């Protein structure tokens, strides 16, 4: 196996491990998954807290049907809503509701705490900053960059 393949596999495995560690009791505490948290975060960072499903899918690097499946239960519990475009009724938006914003704020505190636990015994602040900078190069200029 060449070095690029090895590095790509290590990064993918690290991403999976990180997601699993951050998930922890996240769902039990907040009733949403880490993926749903990211969906809410993308909406919160967007103009007017809304995005078309296709744009949201692009930012999350998933299919539009995956966004639809993720959004449906969040709509049922009032964290998301739908809006039709004023100019084009064929276009609808996924919208972060007031309840969704509240849930996001609550979840952010847990996410931050879990991230701290995950990194505290592995790297110094300087090492973490360098790692974050290097990983930032992988996502620079891509849709969905949350930083």
C-alpha atoms as a PDB file:
ATOM      1  CA  UNK A   1       0.000   0.000   0.000  1.00  0.00           C
ATOM      2  CA  UNK A   2       1.416   3.409  -0.903  1.00  0.00           C
ATOM      3  CA  UNK A   3       1.743   6.274   1.593  1.00  0.00           C
ATOM      4  CA  UNK A   4      -1.194   8.291   0.181  1.00  0.00           C
ATOM      5  CA  UNK A   5      -3.527   5.306   0.537  1.00  0.00           C
ATOM      6  CA  UNK A   6      -2.278   4.627   4.054  1.00  0.00           C
ATOM      7  CA  UNK A   7      -2.713   8.275   5.032  1.00  0.00           C
ATOM      8  CA  UNK A   8      -6.207   8.462   3.536  1.00  0.00           C
ATOM      9  CA  UNK A   9      -7.257   5.301   5.392  1.00  0.00           C
ATOM     10  CA  UNK A  10      -5.820   6.613   8.676  1.00  0.00           C
ATOM     11  CA  UNK A  11      -7.686   9.906   8.264  1.00  0.00           C
ATOM     12  CA  UNK A  12     -10.958   8.108   7.515  1.00  0.00           C
ATOM     13  CA  UNK A  13     -10.508   5.819  10.508  1.00  0.00           C
ATOM     14  CA  UNK A  14      -9.616   8.776  12.741  1.00  0.00           C
ATOM     15  CA  UNK A  15     -12.735  10.606  11.563  1.00  0.00           C
ATOM     16  CA  UNK A  16     -14.919   7.606  12.382  1.00  0.00           C
ATOM     17  CA  UNK A  17     -13.286   7.205  15.807  1.00  0.00           C
ATOM     18  CA  UNK A  18     -13.684  10.906  16.572  1.00  0.00           C
ATOM     19  CA  UNK A  19     -17.358  10.871  15.582  1.00  0.00           C
ATOM     20  CA  UNK A  20     -17.951   7.803  17.785  1.00  0.00           C
ATOM     21  CA  UNK A  21     -16.229   9.415  20.778  1.00  0.00           C
ATOM     22  CA  UNK A  22     -18.086  12.677  20.362  1.00  0.00           C
ATOM     23  CA  UNK A  23     -21.391  10.832  19.996  1.00  0.00           C
ATOM     24  CA  UNK A  24     -21.103   9.126  23.389  1.00  0.00           C
ATOM     25  CA  UNK A  25     -24.161   9.981  25.403  1.00  0.00           C
ATOM     26  CA  UNK A  26     -24.956  12.895  23.071  1.00  0.00           C
ATOM     27  CA  UNK A  27     -28.121  11.290  21.707  1.00  0.00           C
ATOM     28  CA  UNK A  28     -29.331  10.213  25.141  1.00  0.00           C
ATOM     29  CA  UNK A  29     -28.894  13.716  26.547  1.00  0.00           C
ATOM     30  CA  UNK A  30     -30.273  15.767  23.661  1.00  0.00           C
ATOM     31  CA  UNK A  31     -32.443  13.358  21.676  1.00  0.00           C
ATOM     32  CA  UNK A  32     -30.561  14.103  18.457  1.00  0.00           C
ATOM     33  CA  UNK A  33     -27.582  12.443  16.824  1.00  0.00           C
ATOM     34  CA  UNK A  34     -24.257  14.124  16.118  1.00  0.00           C
ATOM     35  CA  UNK A  35     -25.224  14.147  12.414  1.00  0.00           C
ATOM     36  CA  UNK A  36     -28.471  15.936  13.270  1.00  0.00           C
ATOM     37  CA  UNK A  37     -26.463  18.376  15.396  1.00  0.00           C
ATOM     38  CA  UNK A  38     -24.319  19.142  12.339  1.00  0.00           C
ATOM     39  CA  UNK A  39     -27.472  19.682  10.263  1.00  0.00           C
ATOM     40  CA  UNK A  40     -28.756  22.202  12.820  1.00  0.00           C
ATOM     41  CA  UNK A  41     -25.328  23.858  12.920  1.00  0.00           C
ATOM     42  CA  UNK A  42     -25.227  24.259   9.131  1.00  0.00           C
ATOM     43  CA  UNK A  43     -28.629  25.935   9.216  1.00  0.00           C
ATOM     44  CA  UNK A  44     -27.632  28.195  12.093  1.00  0.00           C
ATOM     45  CA  UNK A  45     -24.550  29.365  10.173  1.00  0.00           C
ATOM     46  CA  UNK A  46     -26.518  30.066   6.979  1.00  0.00           C
ATOM     47  CA  UNK A  47     -28.222  33.291   5.968  1.00  0.00           C
ATOM     48  CA  UNK A  48     -31.682  33.538   7.536  1.00  0.00           C
ATOM     49  CA  UNK A  49     -31.110  30.126   9.178  1.00  0.00           C
ATOM     50  CA  UNK A  50     -32.390  28.307   6.117  1.00  0.00           C
ATOM     51  CA  UNK A  51     -31.052  26.319   3.186  1.00  0.00           C
ATOM     52  CA  UNK A  52     -32.481  24.468   0.223  1.00  0.00           C
ATOM     53  CA  UNK A  53     -32.266  20.700   0.750  1.00  0.00           C
ATOM     54  CA  UNK A  54     -29.826  20.331  -2.146  1.00  0.00           C
ATOM     55  CA  UNK A  55     -27.513  22.997  -0.705  1.00  0.00           C
ATOM     56  CA  UNK A  56     -27.735  21.467   2.765  1.00  0.00           C
ATOM     57  CA  UNK A  57     -26.889  18.065   1.290  1.00  0.00           C
ATOM     58  CA  UNK A  58     -23.870  19.548  -0.481  1.00  0.00           C
ATOM     59  CA  UNK A  59     -22.617  21.153   2.724  1.00  0.00           C
ATOM     60  CA  UNK A  60     -23.058  17.939   4.687  1.00  0.00           C
ATOM     61  CA  UNK A  61     -21.579  15.782   1.920  1.00  0.00           C
ATOM     62  CA  UNK A  62     -24.658  13.559   1.743  1.00  0.00           C
ATOM     63  CA  UNK A  63     -27.481  13.055  -0.741  1.00  0.00           C
ATOM     64  CA  UNK A  64     -30.609  15.210  -0.806  1.00  0.00           C
ATOM     65  CA  UNK A  65     -32.652  12.134   0.124  1.00  0.00           C
ATOM     66  CA  UNK A  66     -30.472  11.677   3.223  1.00  0.00           C
ATOM     67  CA  UNK A  67     -31.244  15.260   4.233  1.00  0.00           C
ATOM     68  CA  UNK A  68     -34.940  14.569   3.712  1.00  0.00           C
ATOM     69  CA  UNK A  69     -34.747  11.463   5.929  1.00  0.00           C
ATOM     70  CA  UNK A  70     -32.806  13.369   8.602  1.00  0.00           C
ATOM     71  CA  UNK A  71     -35.058  16.431   8.519  1.00  0.00           C
ATOM     72  CA  UNK A  72     -38.414  14.642   8.753  1.00  0.00           C
ATOM     73  CA  UNK A  73     -38.202  13.613  12.446  1.00  0.00           C
ATOM     74  CA  UNK A  74     -36.660  16.974  13.363  1.00  0.00           C
ATOM     75  CA  UNK A  75     -39.626  18.706  11.707  1.00  0.00           C
ATOM     76  CA  UNK A  76     -42.051  16.503  13.659  1.00  0.00           C
ATOM     77  CA  UNK A  77     -40.532  17.564  16.979  1.00  0.00           C
ATOM     78  CA  UNK A  78     -40.428  21.224  15.963  1.00  0.00           C
ATOM     79  CA  UNK A  79     -36.684  21.760  15.562  1.00  0.00           C
ATOM     80  CA  UNK A  80     -37.000  22.408  11.831  1.00  0.00           C
ATOM     81  CA  UNK A  81     -39.606  23.947   9.589  1.00  0.00           C
ATOM     82  CA  UNK A  82     -40.202  24.404   5.867  1.00  0.00           C
ATOM     83  CA  UNK A  83     -40.524  27.543   3.833  1.00  0.00           C
ATOM     84  CA  UNK A  84     -41.492  27.880   0.195  1.00  0.00           C
ATOM     85  CA  UNK A  85     -39.514  30.350  -1.895  1.00  0.00           C
ATOM     86  CA  UNK A  86     -41.491  33.539  -2.514  1.00  0.00           C
ATOM     87  CA  UNK A  87     -40.467  33.652  -6.188  1.00  0.00           C
ATOM     88  CA  UNK A  88     -40.440  29.950  -7.062  1.00  0.00           C
ATOM     89  CA  UNK A  89     -42.982  27.677  -5.366  1.00  0.00           C
ATOM     90  CA  UNK A  90     -41.053  24.612  -6.556  1.00  0.00           C
ATOM     91  CA  UNK A  91     -38.165  25.536  -4.237  1.00  0.00           C
ATOM     92  CA  UNK A  92     -38.490  24.923  -0.512  1.00  0.00           C
ATOM     93  CA  UNK A  93     -36.104  25.535   2.339  1.00  0.00           C
ATOM     94  CA  UNK A  94     -35.252  23.684   5.505  1.00  0.00           C
ATOM     95  CA  UNK A  95     -35.495  26.269   8.300  1.00  0.00           C
ATOM     96  CA  UNK A  96     -34.086  26.235  11.818  1.00  0.00           C
ATOM     97  CA  UNK A  97     -36.896  27.068  14.261  1.00  0.00           C
ATOM     98  CA  UNK A  98     -36.632  28.849  17.603  1.00  0.00           C
ATOM     99  CA  UNK A  99     -36.856  25.457  19.337  1.00  0.00           C
ATOM    100  CA  UNK A 100     -34.101  24.212  17.016  1.00  0.00           C
ATOM    101  CA  UNK A 101     -31.864  27.126  18.009  1.00  0.00           C
ATOM    102  CA  UNK A 102     -32.456  26.356  21.678  1.00  0.00           C
ATOM    103  CA  UNK A 103     -31.645  22.676  21.137  1.00  0.00           C
ATOM    104  CA  UNK A 104     -28.493  23.645  19.229  1.00  0.00           C
ATOM    105  CA  UNK A 105     -27.281  25.885  22.076  1.00  0.00           C
ATOM    106  CA  UNK A 106     -27.866  23.077  24.582  1.00  0.00           C
ATOM    107  CA  UNK A 107     -26.135  20.531  22.345  1.00  0.00           C
ATOM    108  CA  UNK A 108     -23.160  22.828  21.697  1.00  0.00           C
ATOM    109  CA  UNK A 109     -22.284  22.811  25.385  1.00  0.00           C
ATOM    110  CA  UNK A 110     -22.238  19.004  25.459  1.00  0.00           C
ATOM    111  CA  UNK A 111     -20.334  18.808  22.177  1.00  0.00           C
ATOM    112  CA  UNK A 112     -17.681  21.202  23.491  1.00  0.00           C
ATOM    113  CA  UNK A 113     -17.333  19.204  26.709  1.00  0.00           C
ATOM    114  CA  UNK A 114     -17.051  15.879  24.839  1.00  0.00           C
ATOM    115  CA  UNK A 115     -14.456  17.379  22.472  1.00  0.00           C
ATOM    116  CA  UNK A 116     -12.422  18.519  25.473  1.00  0.00           C
ATOM    117  CA  UNK A 117     -12.483  15.036  26.969  1.00  0.00           C
ATOM    118  CA  UNK A 118     -11.473  13.532  23.636  1.00  0.00           C
ATOM    119  CA  UNK A 119      -8.421  15.723  23.121  1.00  0.00           C
ATOM    120  CA  UNK A 120      -7.204  16.593  26.620  1.00  0.00           C
ATOM    121  CA  UNK A 121      -4.938  13.606  27.188  1.00  0.00           C
ATOM    122  CA  UNK A 122      -3.580  13.238  23.661  1.00  0.00           C
ATOM    123  CA  UNK A 123      -2.165  16.589  22.546  1.00  0.00           C
ATOM    124  CA  UNK A 124      -1.040  19.935  23.828  1.00  0.00           C
ATOM    125  CA  UNK A 125      -2.935  23.059  22.790  1.00  0.00           C
ATOM    126  CA  UNK A 126      -0.131  23.861  20.342  1.00  0.00           C
ATOM    127  CA  UNK A 127      -0.307  20.386  18.771  1.00  0.00           C
ATOM    128  CA  UNK A 128      -4.088  20.617  18.482  1.00  0.00           C
ATOM    129  CA  UNK A 129      -3.828  24.003  16.798  1.00  0.00           C
ATOM    130  CA  UNK A 130      -1.323  22.620  14.280  1.00  0.00           C
ATOM    131  CA  UNK A 131      -3.463  19.525  13.623  1.00  0.00           C
ATOM    132  CA  UNK A 132      -6.535  21.702  13.118  1.00  0.00           C
ATOM    133  CA  UNK A 133      -4.603  23.947  10.721  1.00  0.00           C
ATOM    134  CA  UNK A 134      -3.380  20.964   8.700  1.00  0.00           C
ATOM    135  CA  UNK A 135      -6.835  19.378   8.529  1.00  0.00           C
ATOM    136  CA  UNK A 136      -8.257  22.768   7.575  1.00  0.00           C
ATOM    137  CA  UNK A 137      -6.266  22.554   4.358  1.00  0.00           C
ATOM    138  CA  UNK A 138      -8.261  19.453   3.392  1.00  0.00           C
ATOM    139  CA  UNK A 139     -11.576  21.285   3.632  1.00  0.00           C
ATOM    140  CA  UNK A 140     -10.501  24.772   2.573  1.00  0.00           C
ATOM    141  CA  UNK A 141     -12.855  26.097  -0.066  1.00  0.00           C
ATOM    142  CA  UNK A 142     -15.303  23.214   0.197  1.00  0.00           C
ATOM    143  CA  UNK A 143     -19.003  23.610   0.791  1.00  0.00           C
ATOM    144  CA  UNK A 144     -19.968  23.000   4.366  1.00  0.00           C
ATOM    145  CA  UNK A 145     -16.873  24.295   6.105  1.00  0.00           C
ATOM    146  CA  UNK A 146     -18.220  25.173   9.560  1.00  0.00           C
ATOM    147  CA  UNK A 147     -15.154  27.036  10.784  1.00  0.00           C
END
